[in-house]
Amino acid sequence: MNLPMRVTIIPIDKFCAVDGVGFVGVDITSIAIDVHAVQWFGTWGEQEILDLKTGRIERNEKIQSLDTYQSVLNSYWKIRTAHDVAEREAINEQTIIEV
């Protein structure tokens, strides 16, 4: 797997997208409670940090790596792989062979 060029993680929605393909239901339990969102832009990214008292975004912190979010990405790829397999199987079932 190549390093993704674009990643978006929105913990409250249990959402993760990699290079434009997103899924909900991703395991986000490893993410700190004050992280509102994560954006990755290929070689760097930002995490939006909430003020837990007000619920508002307090600041953006630059990140140099996705290592902190690897378990989220692992969950994402598990969901995406299962989706891709199911999609291929559905296409195969719909294929009609004419004789």
PDB file of N, CA and C in Angstrom:
ATOM      1  N   MET A   1       0.839  -1.177   0.000  1.00  0.00           N
ATOM      2  CA  MET A   1       0.000   0.000   0.000  1.00  0.00           C
ATOM      3  C   MET A   1       0.885   1.241   0.000  1.00  0.00           C
ATOM      4  N   ASN A   2       0.636   2.147  -0.902  1.00  0.00           N
ATOM      5  CA  ASN A   2       1.370   3.400  -0.934  1.00  0.00           C
ATOM      6  C   ASN A   2       0.834   4.346   0.127  1.00  0.00           C
ATOM      7  N   LEU A   3       1.670   5.295   0.526  1.00  0.00           N
ATOM      8  CA  LEU A   3       1.226   6.316   1.459  1.00  0.00           C
ATOM      9  C   LEU A   3       0.138   7.145   0.791  1.00  0.00           C
ATOM     10  N   PRO A   4      -1.009   7.296   1.433  1.00  0.00           N
ATOM     11  CA  PRO A   4      -2.102   8.051   0.818  1.00  0.00           C
ATOM     12  C   PRO A   4      -1.719   9.508   0.596  1.00  0.00           C
ATOM     13  N   MET A   5      -2.247  10.065  -0.476  1.00  0.00           N
ATOM     14  CA  MET A   5      -2.015  11.473  -0.762  1.00  0.00           C
ATOM     15  C   MET A   5      -2.967  12.360   0.027  1.00  0.00           C
ATOM     16  N   ARG A   6      -4.177  11.882   0.254  1.00  0.00           N
ATOM     17  CA  ARG A   6      -5.189  12.717   0.908  1.00  0.00           C
ATOM     18  C   ARG A   6      -5.984  11.858   1.878  1.00  0.00           C
ATOM     19  N   VAL A   7      -6.049  12.290   3.124  1.00  0.00           N
ATOM     20  CA  VAL A   7      -6.809  11.576   4.150  1.00  0.00           C
ATOM     21  C   VAL A   7      -7.646  12.585   4.921  1.00  0.00           C
ATOM     22  N   THR A   8      -8.889  12.214   5.190  1.00  0.00           N
ATOM     23  CA  THR A   8      -9.757  12.985   6.073  1.00  0.00           C
ATOM     24  C   THR A   8     -10.316  12.029   7.115  1.00  0.00           C
ATOM     25  N   ILE A   9     -10.215  12.413   8.378  1.00  0.00           N
ATOM     26  CA  ILE A   9     -10.783  11.626   9.472  1.00  0.00           C
ATOM     27  C   ILE A   9     -11.675  12.552  10.285  1.00  0.00           C
ATOM     28  N   ILE A  10     -12.924  12.133  10.487  1.00  0.00           N
ATOM     29  CA  ILE A  10     -13.864  12.899  11.307  1.00  0.00           C
ATOM     30  C   ILE A  10     -14.379  11.950  12.391  1.00  0.00           C
ATOM     31  N   PRO A  11     -13.762  12.008  13.571  1.00  0.00           N
ATOM     32  CA  PRO A  11     -14.081  11.040  14.626  1.00  0.00           C
ATOM     33  C   PRO A  11     -15.550  10.994  15.031  1.00  0.00           C
ATOM     34  N   ILE A  12     -16.206  12.130  15.171  1.00  0.00           N
ATOM     35  CA  ILE A  12     -17.595  12.130  15.640  1.00  0.00           C
ATOM     36  C   ILE A  12     -18.509  11.338  14.704  1.00  0.00           C
ATOM     37  N   ASP A  13     -18.160  11.285  13.423  1.00  0.00           N
ATOM     38  CA  ASP A  13     -18.940  10.539  12.437  1.00  0.00           C
ATOM     39  C   ASP A  13     -18.385   9.138  12.188  1.00  0.00           C
ATOM     40  N   LYS A  14     -17.283   8.796  12.851  1.00  0.00           N
ATOM     41  CA  LYS A  14     -16.581   7.531  12.604  1.00  0.00           C
ATOM     42  C   LYS A  14     -16.283   7.384  11.116  1.00  0.00           C
ATOM     43  N   PHE A  15     -15.849   8.489  10.517  1.00  0.00           N
ATOM     44  CA  PHE A  15     -15.635   8.597   9.076  1.00  0.00           C
ATOM     45  C   PHE A  15     -14.157   8.731   8.764  1.00  0.00           C
ATOM     46  N   CYS A  16     -13.748   8.045   7.703  1.00  0.00           N
ATOM     47  CA  CYS A  16     -12.397   8.202   7.174  1.00  0.00           C
ATOM     48  C   CYS A  16     -12.476   8.093   5.658  1.00  0.00           C
ATOM     49  N   ALA A  17     -11.768   8.987   4.977  1.00  0.00           N
ATOM     50  CA  ALA A  17     -11.659   8.931   3.520  1.00  0.00           C
ATOM     51  C   ALA A  17     -10.182   8.919   3.157  1.00  0.00           C
ATOM     52  N   VAL A  18      -9.839   8.095   2.181  1.00  0.00           N
ATOM     53  CA  VAL A  18      -8.478   8.034   1.662  1.00  0.00           C
ATOM     54  C   VAL A  18      -8.558   8.250   0.163  1.00  0.00           C
ATOM     55  N   ASP A  19      -7.876   9.286  -0.288  1.00  0.00           N
ATOM     56  CA  ASP A  19      -7.832   9.616  -1.711  1.00  0.00           C
ATOM     57  C   ASP A  19      -9.225   9.651  -2.342  1.00  0.00           C
ATOM     58  N   GLY A  20     -10.171  10.252  -1.623  1.00  0.00           N
ATOM     59  CA  GLY A  20     -11.510  10.485  -2.163  1.00  0.00           C
ATOM     60  C   GLY A  20     -12.523   9.375  -1.951  1.00  0.00           C
ATOM     61  N   VAL A  21     -12.126   8.272  -1.332  1.00  0.00           N
ATOM     62  CA  VAL A  21     -13.047   7.163  -1.083  1.00  0.00           C
ATOM     63  C   VAL A  21     -13.256   7.058   0.428  1.00  0.00           C
ATOM     64  N   GLY A  22     -14.495   7.327   0.876  1.00  0.00           N
ATOM     65  CA  GLY A  22     -14.755   7.380   2.305  1.00  0.00           C
ATOM     66  C   GLY A  22     -15.758   6.352   2.784  1.00  0.00           C
ATOM     67  N   PHE A  23     -15.627   6.004   4.069  1.00  0.00           N
ATOM     68  CA  PHE A  23     -16.539   5.068   4.717  1.00  0.00           C
ATOM     69  C   PHE A  23     -16.816   5.524   6.141  1.00  0.00           C
ATOM     70  N   VAL A  24     -18.017   5.241   6.612  1.00  0.00           N
ATOM     71  CA  VAL A  24     -18.351   5.422   8.021  1.00  0.00           C
ATOM     72  C   VAL A  24     -18.223   4.068   8.709  1.00  0.00           C
ATOM     73  N   GLY A  25     -18.212   4.085  10.039  1.00  0.00           N
ATOM     74  CA  GLY A  25     -18.093   2.843  10.796  1.00  0.00           C
ATOM     75  C   GLY A  25     -16.662   2.475  11.117  1.00  0.00           C
ATOM     76  N   VAL A  26     -15.756   3.401  10.876  1.00  0.00           N
ATOM     77  CA  VAL A  26     -14.341   3.162  11.137  1.00  0.00           C
ATOM     78  C   VAL A  26     -14.089   3.213  12.647  1.00  0.00           C
ATOM     79  N   ASP A  27     -13.219   2.349  13.138  1.00  0.00           N
ATOM     80  CA  ASP A  27     -12.874   2.328  14.564  1.00  0.00           C
ATOM     81  C   ASP A  27     -11.980   3.524  14.881  1.00  0.00           C
ATOM     82  N   ILE A  28     -12.508   4.446  15.659  1.00  0.00           N
ATOM     83  CA  ILE A  28     -11.780   5.667  15.994  1.00  0.00           C
ATOM     84  C   ILE A  28     -11.422   5.711  17.483  1.00  0.00           C
ATOM     85  N   THR A  29     -11.508   4.582  18.165  1.00  0.00           N
ATOM     86  CA  THR A  29     -11.296   4.569  19.614  1.00  0.00           C
ATOM     87  C   THR A  29      -9.889   5.000  20.022  1.00  0.00           C
ATOM     88  N   SER A  30      -8.939   4.956  19.120  1.00  0.00           N
ATOM     89  CA  SER A  30      -7.565   5.350  19.453  1.00  0.00           C
ATOM     90  C   SER A  30      -7.343   6.860  19.373  1.00  0.00           C
ATOM     91  N   ILE A  31      -8.320   7.595  18.873  1.00  0.00           N
ATOM     92  CA  ILE A  31      -8.154   9.042  18.692  1.00  0.00           C
ATOM     93  C   ILE A  31      -8.482   9.778  19.987  1.00  0.00           C
ATOM     94  N   ALA A  32      -7.648  10.749  20.315  1.00  0.00           N
ATOM     95  CA  ALA A  32      -7.873  11.569  21.509  1.00  0.00           C
ATOM     96  C   ALA A  32      -9.229  12.262  21.420  1.00  0.00           C
ATOM     97  N   ILE A  33      -9.885  12.412  22.563  1.00  0.00           N
ATOM     98  CA  ILE A  33     -11.243  12.953  22.619  1.00  0.00           C
ATOM     99  C   ILE A  33     -11.331  14.395  22.116  1.00  0.00           C
ATOM    100  N   ASP A  34     -10.222  15.132  22.166  1.00  0.00           N
ATOM    101  CA  ASP A  34     -10.261  16.534  21.744  1.00  0.00           C
ATOM    102  C   ASP A  34      -9.935  16.746  20.266  1.00  0.00           C
ATOM    103  N   VAL A  35      -9.766  15.669  19.502  1.00  0.00           N
ATOM    104  CA  VAL A  35      -9.503  15.806  18.064  1.00  0.00           C
ATOM    105  C   VAL A  35     -10.832  15.865  17.322  1.00  0.00           C
ATOM    106  N   HIS A  36     -11.062  16.984  16.660  1.00  0.00           N
ATOM    107  CA  HIS A  36     -12.298  17.187  15.895  1.00  0.00           C
ATOM    108  C   HIS A  36     -12.180  16.592  14.497  1.00  0.00           C
ATOM    109  N   ALA A  37     -11.022  16.767  13.859  1.00  0.00           N
ATOM    110  CA  ALA A  37     -10.819  16.251  12.505  1.00  0.00           C
ATOM    111  C   ALA A  37      -9.326  16.185  12.213  1.00  0.00           C
ATOM    112  N   VAL A  38      -8.998  15.360  11.237  1.00  0.00           N
ATOM    113  CA  VAL A  38      -7.620  15.246  10.763  1.00  0.00           C
ATOM    114  C   VAL A  38      -7.652  15.386   9.249  1.00  0.00           C
ATOM    115  N   GLN A  39      -6.749  16.183   8.724  1.00  0.00           N
ATOM    116  CA  GLN A  39      -6.588  16.348   7.281  1.00  0.00           C
ATOM    117  C   GLN A  39      -5.134  16.055   6.939  1.00  0.00           C
ATOM    118  N   TRP A  40      -4.922  15.203   5.944  1.00  0.00           N
ATOM    119  CA  TRP A  40      -3.574  14.874   5.492  1.00  0.00           C
ATOM    120  C   TRP A  40      -3.461  15.261   4.033  1.00  0.00           C
ATOM    121  N   PHE A  41      -2.352  15.926   3.692  1.00  0.00           N
ATOM    122  CA  PHE A  41      -2.173  16.480   2.354  1.00  0.00           C
ATOM    123  C   PHE A  41      -0.968  15.888   1.625  1.00  0.00           C
ATOM    124  N   GLY A  42      -0.680  14.641   1.846  1.00  0.00           N
ATOM    125  CA  GLY A  42       0.384  13.967   1.107  1.00  0.00           C
ATOM    126  C   GLY A  42       1.705  13.882   1.842  1.00  0.00           C
ATOM    127  N   THR A  43       2.195  15.002   2.337  1.00  0.00           N
ATOM    128  CA  THR A  43       3.471  15.007   3.055  1.00  0.00           C
ATOM    129  C   THR A  43       3.368  15.659   4.429  1.00  0.00           C
ATOM    130  N   TRP A  44       2.240  16.235   4.721  1.00  0.00           N
ATOM    131  CA  TRP A  44       1.996  16.874   6.019  1.00  0.00           C
ATOM    132  C   TRP A  44       0.493  16.941   6.240  1.00  0.00           C
ATOM    133  N   GLY A  45       0.109  17.290   7.453  1.00  0.00           N
ATOM    134  CA  GLY A  45      -1.316  17.386   7.737  1.00  0.00           C
ATOM    135  C   GLY A  45      -1.597  18.292   8.910  1.00  0.00           C
ATOM    136  N   GLU A  46      -2.872  18.318   9.292  1.00  0.00           N
ATOM    137  CA  GLU A  46      -3.316  19.104  10.435  1.00  0.00           C
ATOM    138  C   GLU A  46      -4.347  18.307  11.213  1.00  0.00           C
ATOM    139  N   GLN A  47      -4.322  18.495  12.512  1.00  0.00           N
ATOM    140  CA  GLN A  47      -5.393  17.968  13.339  1.00  0.00           C
ATOM    141  C   GLN A  47      -6.067  19.164  14.000  1.00  0.00           C
ATOM    142  N   GLU A  48      -7.389  19.182  13.907  1.00  0.00           N
ATOM    143  CA  GLU A  48      -8.175  20.251  14.515  1.00  0.00           C
ATOM    144  C   GLU A  48      -8.475  19.849  15.954  1.00  0.00           C
ATOM    145  N   ILE A  49      -8.091  20.698  16.890  1.00  0.00           N
ATOM    146  CA  ILE A  49      -8.229  20.395  18.312  1.00  0.00           C
ATOM    147  C   ILE A  49      -9.381  21.205  18.902  1.00  0.00           C
ATOM    148  N   LEU A  50     -10.267  20.498  19.611  1.00  0.00           N
ATOM    149  CA  LEU A  50     -11.428  21.134  20.242  1.00  0.00           C
ATOM    150  C   LEU A  50     -11.098  21.637  21.640  1.00  0.00           C
ATOM    151  N   ASP A  51     -11.762  22.721  22.009  1.00  0.00           N
ATOM    152  CA  ASP A  51     -11.828  23.127  23.409  1.00  0.00           C
ATOM    153  C   ASP A  51     -12.982  22.319  23.988  1.00  0.00           C
ATOM    154  N   LEU A  52     -12.697  21.397  24.867  1.00  0.00           N
ATOM    155  CA  LEU A  52     -13.727  20.487  25.368  1.00  0.00           C
ATOM    156  C   LEU A  52     -14.785  21.196  26.206  1.00  0.00           C
ATOM    157  N   LYS A  53     -14.464  22.365  26.727  1.00  0.00           N
ATOM    158  CA  LYS A  53     -15.452  23.118  27.508  1.00  0.00           C
ATOM    159  C   LYS A  53     -16.478  23.798  26.613  1.00  0.00           C
ATOM    160  N   THR A  54     -16.028  24.352  25.489  1.00  0.00           N
ATOM    161  CA  THR A  54     -16.935  25.098  24.605  1.00  0.00           C
ATOM    162  C   THR A  54     -17.413  24.269  23.421  1.00  0.00           C
ATOM    163  N   GLY A  55     -16.665  23.221  23.069  1.00  0.00           N
ATOM    164  CA  GLY A  55     -17.006  22.421  21.899  1.00  0.00           C
ATOM    165  C   GLY A  55     -16.575  23.065  20.591  1.00  0.00           C
ATOM    166  N   ARG A  56     -15.848  24.158  20.677  1.00  0.00           N
ATOM    167  CA  ARG A  56     -15.377  24.862  19.472  1.00  0.00           C
ATOM    168  C   ARG A  56     -13.934  24.470  19.156  1.00  0.00           C
ATOM    169  N   ILE A  57     -13.598  24.624  17.886  1.00  0.00           N
ATOM    170  CA  ILE A  57     -12.221  24.337  17.486  1.00  0.00           C
ATOM    171  C   ILE A  57     -11.320  25.404  18.092  1.00  0.00           C
ATOM    172  N   GLU A  58     -10.353  24.946  18.844  1.00  0.00           N
ATOM    173  CA  GLU A  58      -9.437  25.832  19.557  1.00  0.00           C
ATOM    174  C   GLU A  58      -8.228  26.201  18.704  1.00  0.00           C
ATOM    175  N   ARG A  59      -7.721  25.199  17.970  1.00  0.00           N
ATOM    176  CA  ARG A  59      -6.525  25.435  17.165  1.00  0.00           C
ATOM    177  C   ARG A  59      -6.326  24.277  16.185  1.00  0.00           C
ATOM    178  N   ASN A  60      -5.495  24.517  15.197  1.00  0.00           N
ATOM    179  CA  ASN A  60      -5.035  23.475  14.294  1.00  0.00           C
ATOM    180  C   ASN A  60      -3.574  23.203  14.614  1.00  0.00           C
ATOM    181  N   GLU A  61      -3.233  21.938  14.684  1.00  0.00           N
ATOM    182  CA  GLU A  61      -1.847  21.547  14.932  1.00  0.00           C
ATOM    183  C   GLU A  61      -1.316  20.836  13.702  1.00  0.00           C
ATOM    184  N   LYS A  62      -0.159  21.265  13.235  1.00  0.00           N
ATOM    185  CA  LYS A  62       0.472  20.627  12.092  1.00  0.00           C
ATOM    186  C   LYS A  62       1.024  19.269  12.520  1.00  0.00           C
ATOM    187  N   ILE A  63       0.864  18.268  11.652  1.00  0.00           N
ATOM    188  CA  ILE A  63       1.435  16.942  11.901  1.00  0.00           C
ATOM    189  C   ILE A  63       2.330  16.562  10.725  1.00  0.00           C
ATOM    190  N   GLN A  64       3.361  15.807  11.013  1.00  0.00           N
ATOM    191  CA  GLN A  64       4.341  15.411   9.996  1.00  0.00           C
ATOM    192  C   GLN A  64       4.201  13.950   9.581  1.00  0.00           C
ATOM    193  N   SER A  65       3.292  13.235  10.255  1.00  0.00           N
ATOM    194  CA  SER A  65       3.163  11.800  10.030  1.00  0.00           C
ATOM    195  C   SER A  65       1.744  11.359  10.373  1.00  0.00           C
ATOM    196  N   LEU A  66       1.335  10.251   9.781  1.00  0.00           N
ATOM    197  CA  LEU A  66       0.041   9.646  10.102  1.00  0.00           C
ATOM    198  C   LEU A  66       0.174   8.519  11.127  1.00  0.00           C
ATOM    199  N   ASP A  67       1.351   8.351  11.689  1.00  0.00           N
ATOM    200  CA  ASP A  67       1.594   7.242  12.617  1.00  0.00           C
ATOM    201  C   ASP A  67       0.574   7.182  13.752  1.00  0.00           C
ATOM    202  N   THR A  68       0.211   8.322  14.307  1.00  0.00           N
ATOM    203  CA  THR A  68      -0.756   8.374  15.407  1.00  0.00           C
ATOM    204  C   THR A  68      -2.106   7.808  14.987  1.00  0.00           C
ATOM    205  N   TYR A  69      -2.400   7.865  13.707  1.00  0.00           N
ATOM    206  CA  TYR A  69      -3.706   7.458  13.192  1.00  0.00           C
ATOM    207  C   TYR A  69      -3.658   6.129  12.441  1.00  0.00           C
ATOM    208  N   GLN A  70      -2.568   5.371  12.617  1.00  0.00           N
ATOM    209  CA  GLN A  70      -2.421   4.116  11.876  1.00  0.00           C
ATOM    210  C   GLN A  70      -3.537   3.121  12.179  1.00  0.00           C
ATOM    211  N   SER A  71      -3.988   3.033  13.426  1.00  0.00           N
ATOM    212  CA  SER A  71      -5.062   2.075  13.735  1.00  0.00           C
ATOM    213  C   SER A  71      -6.367   2.481  13.056  1.00  0.00           C
ATOM    214  N   VAL A  72      -6.593   3.776  12.905  1.00  0.00           N
ATOM    215  CA  VAL A  72      -7.778   4.253  12.171  1.00  0.00           C
ATOM    216  C   VAL A  72      -7.659   3.849  10.707  1.00  0.00           C
ATOM    217  N   LEU A  73      -6.486   4.048  10.133  1.00  0.00           N
ATOM    218  CA  LEU A  73      -6.274   3.663   8.733  1.00  0.00           C
ATOM    219  C   LEU A  73      -6.388   2.151   8.551  1.00  0.00           C
ATOM    220  N   ASN A  74      -5.905   1.376   9.510  1.00  0.00           N
ATOM    221  CA  ASN A  74      -6.061  -0.086   9.426  1.00  0.00           C
ATOM    222  C   ASN A  74      -7.536  -0.471   9.402  1.00  0.00           C
ATOM    223  N   SER A  75      -8.329   0.163  10.250  1.00  0.00           N
ATOM    224  CA  SER A  75      -9.772  -0.100  10.278  1.00  0.00           C
ATOM    225  C   SER A  75     -10.410   0.302   8.953  1.00  0.00           C
ATOM    226  N   TYR A  76     -10.013   1.462   8.447  1.00  0.00           N
ATOM    227  CA  TYR A  76     -10.529   1.938   7.158  1.00  0.00           C
ATOM    228  C   TYR A  76     -10.239   0.905   6.059  1.00  0.00           C
ATOM    229  N   TRP A  77      -8.986   0.449   5.977  1.00  0.00           N
ATOM    230  CA  TRP A  77      -8.620  -0.482   4.910  1.00  0.00           C
ATOM    231  C   TRP A  77      -9.333  -1.823   5.048  1.00  0.00           C
ATOM    232  N   LYS A  78      -9.619  -2.231   6.252  1.00  0.00           N
ATOM    233  CA  LYS A  78     -10.393  -3.464   6.455  1.00  0.00           C
ATOM    234  C   LYS A  78     -11.796  -3.293   5.868  1.00  0.00           C
ATOM    235  N   ILE A  79     -12.428  -2.157   6.158  1.00  0.00           N
ATOM    236  CA  ILE A  79     -13.769  -1.876   5.626  1.00  0.00           C
ATOM    237  C   ILE A  79     -13.727  -1.734   4.113  1.00  0.00           C
ATOM    238  N   ARG A  80     -12.738  -0.996   3.617  1.00  0.00           N
ATOM    239  CA  ARG A  80     -12.653  -0.762   2.168  1.00  0.00           C
ATOM    240  C   ARG A  80     -12.399  -2.063   1.410  1.00  0.00           C
ATOM    241  N   THR A  81     -11.530  -2.902   1.928  1.00  0.00           N
ATOM    242  CA  THR A  81     -11.244  -4.177   1.269  1.00  0.00           C
ATOM    243  C   THR A  81     -12.494  -5.049   1.223  1.00  0.00           C
ATOM    244  N   ALA A  82     -13.224  -5.131   2.335  1.00  0.00           N
ATOM    245  CA  ALA A  82     -14.468  -5.916   2.366  1.00  0.00           C
ATOM    246  C   ALA A  82     -15.480  -5.353   1.375  1.00  0.00           C
ATOM    247  N   HIS A  83     -15.570  -4.037   1.287  1.00  0.00           N
ATOM    248  CA  HIS A  83     -16.483  -3.394   0.333  1.00  0.00           C
ATOM    249  C   HIS A  83     -16.086  -3.735  -1.100  1.00  0.00           C
ATOM    250  N   ASP A  84     -14.795  -3.627  -1.402  1.00  0.00           N
ATOM    251  CA  ASP A  84     -14.322  -3.903  -2.760  1.00  0.00           C
ATOM    252  C   ASP A  84     -14.579  -5.356  -3.160  1.00  0.00           C
ATOM    253  N   VAL A  85     -14.370  -6.285  -2.230  1.00  0.00           N
ATOM    254  CA  VAL A  85     -14.630  -7.704  -2.505  1.00  0.00           C
ATOM    255  C   VAL A  85     -16.116  -7.915  -2.772  1.00  0.00           C
ATOM    256  N   ALA A  86     -16.976  -7.352  -1.924  1.00  0.00           N
ATOM    257  CA  ALA A  86     -18.429  -7.498  -2.098  1.00  0.00           C
ATOM    258  C   ALA A  86     -18.883  -6.888  -3.419  1.00  0.00           C
ATOM    259  N   GLU A  87     -18.291  -5.764  -3.787  1.00  0.00           N
ATOM    260  CA  GLU A  87     -18.648  -5.116  -5.051  1.00  0.00           C
ATOM    261  C   GLU A  87     -18.263  -5.995  -6.241  1.00  0.00           C
ATOM    262  N   ARG A  88     -17.061  -6.577  -6.197  1.00  0.00           N
ATOM    263  CA  ARG A  88     -16.633  -7.469  -7.289  1.00  0.00           C
ATOM    264  C   ARG A  88     -17.531  -8.702  -7.380  1.00  0.00           C
ATOM    265  N   GLU A  89     -17.899  -9.259  -6.230  1.00  0.00           N
ATOM    266  CA  GLU A  89     -18.780 -10.432  -6.227  1.00  0.00           C
ATOM    267  C   GLU A  89     -20.147 -10.089  -6.795  1.00  0.00           C
ATOM    268  N   ALA A  90     -20.663  -8.916  -6.470  1.00  0.00           N
ATOM    269  CA  ALA A  90     -21.964  -8.495  -6.998  1.00  0.00           C
ATOM    270  C   ALA A  90     -21.900  -8.330  -8.509  1.00  0.00           C
ATOM    271  N   ILE A  91     -20.803  -7.772  -8.999  1.00  0.00           N
ATOM    272  CA  ILE A  91     -20.644  -7.610 -10.448  1.00  0.00           C
ATOM    273  C   ILE A  91     -20.566  -8.977 -11.113  1.00  0.00           C
ATOM    274  N   ASN A  92     -19.819  -9.901 -10.517  1.00  0.00           N
ATOM    275  CA  ASN A  92     -19.700 -11.247 -11.079  1.00  0.00           C
ATOM    276  C   ASN A  92     -21.047 -11.956 -11.118  1.00  0.00           C
ATOM    277  N   GLU A  93     -21.870 -11.771 -10.097  1.00  0.00           N
ATOM    278  CA  GLU A  93     -23.192 -12.400 -10.060  1.00  0.00           C
ATOM    279  C   GLU A  93     -24.120 -11.826 -11.126  1.00  0.00           C
ATOM    280  N   GLN A  94     -23.891 -10.582 -11.500  1.00  0.00           N
ATOM    281  CA  GLN A  94     -24.767  -9.927 -12.469  1.00  0.00           C
ATOM    282  C   GLN A  94     -24.329 -10.162 -13.909  1.00  0.00           C
ATOM    283  N   THR A  95     -23.156 -10.748 -14.085  1.00  0.00           N
ATOM    284  CA  THR A  95     -22.647 -10.984 -15.429  1.00  0.00           C
ATOM    285  C   THR A  95     -23.469 -12.080 -16.104  1.00  0.00           C
ATOM    286  N   ILE A  96     -23.979 -11.771 -17.265  1.00  0.00           N
ATOM    287  CA  ILE A  96     -24.782 -12.731 -18.028  1.00  0.00           C
ATOM    288  C   ILE A  96     -23.951 -13.207 -19.209  1.00  0.00           C
ATOM    289  N   ILE A  97     -23.888 -14.499 -19.341  1.00  0.00           N
ATOM    290  CA  ILE A  97     -23.152 -15.069 -20.460  1.00  0.00           C
ATOM    291  C   ILE A  97     -24.162 -15.519 -21.503  1.00  0.00           C
ATOM    292  N   GLU A  98     -24.034 -14.963 -22.692  1.00  0.00           N
ATOM    293  CA  GLU A  98     -24.930 -15.363 -23.783  1.00  0.00           C
ATOM    294  C   GLU A  98     -24.262 -16.457 -24.597  1.00  0.00           C
ATOM    295  N   VAL A  99     -25.058 -17.447 -24.961  1.00  0.00           N
ATOM    296  CA  VAL A  99     -24.532 -18.566 -25.736  1.00  0.00           C
ATOM    297  C   VAL A  99     -25.097 -18.513 -27.127  1.00  0.00           C
TER     298      VAL A  99
END
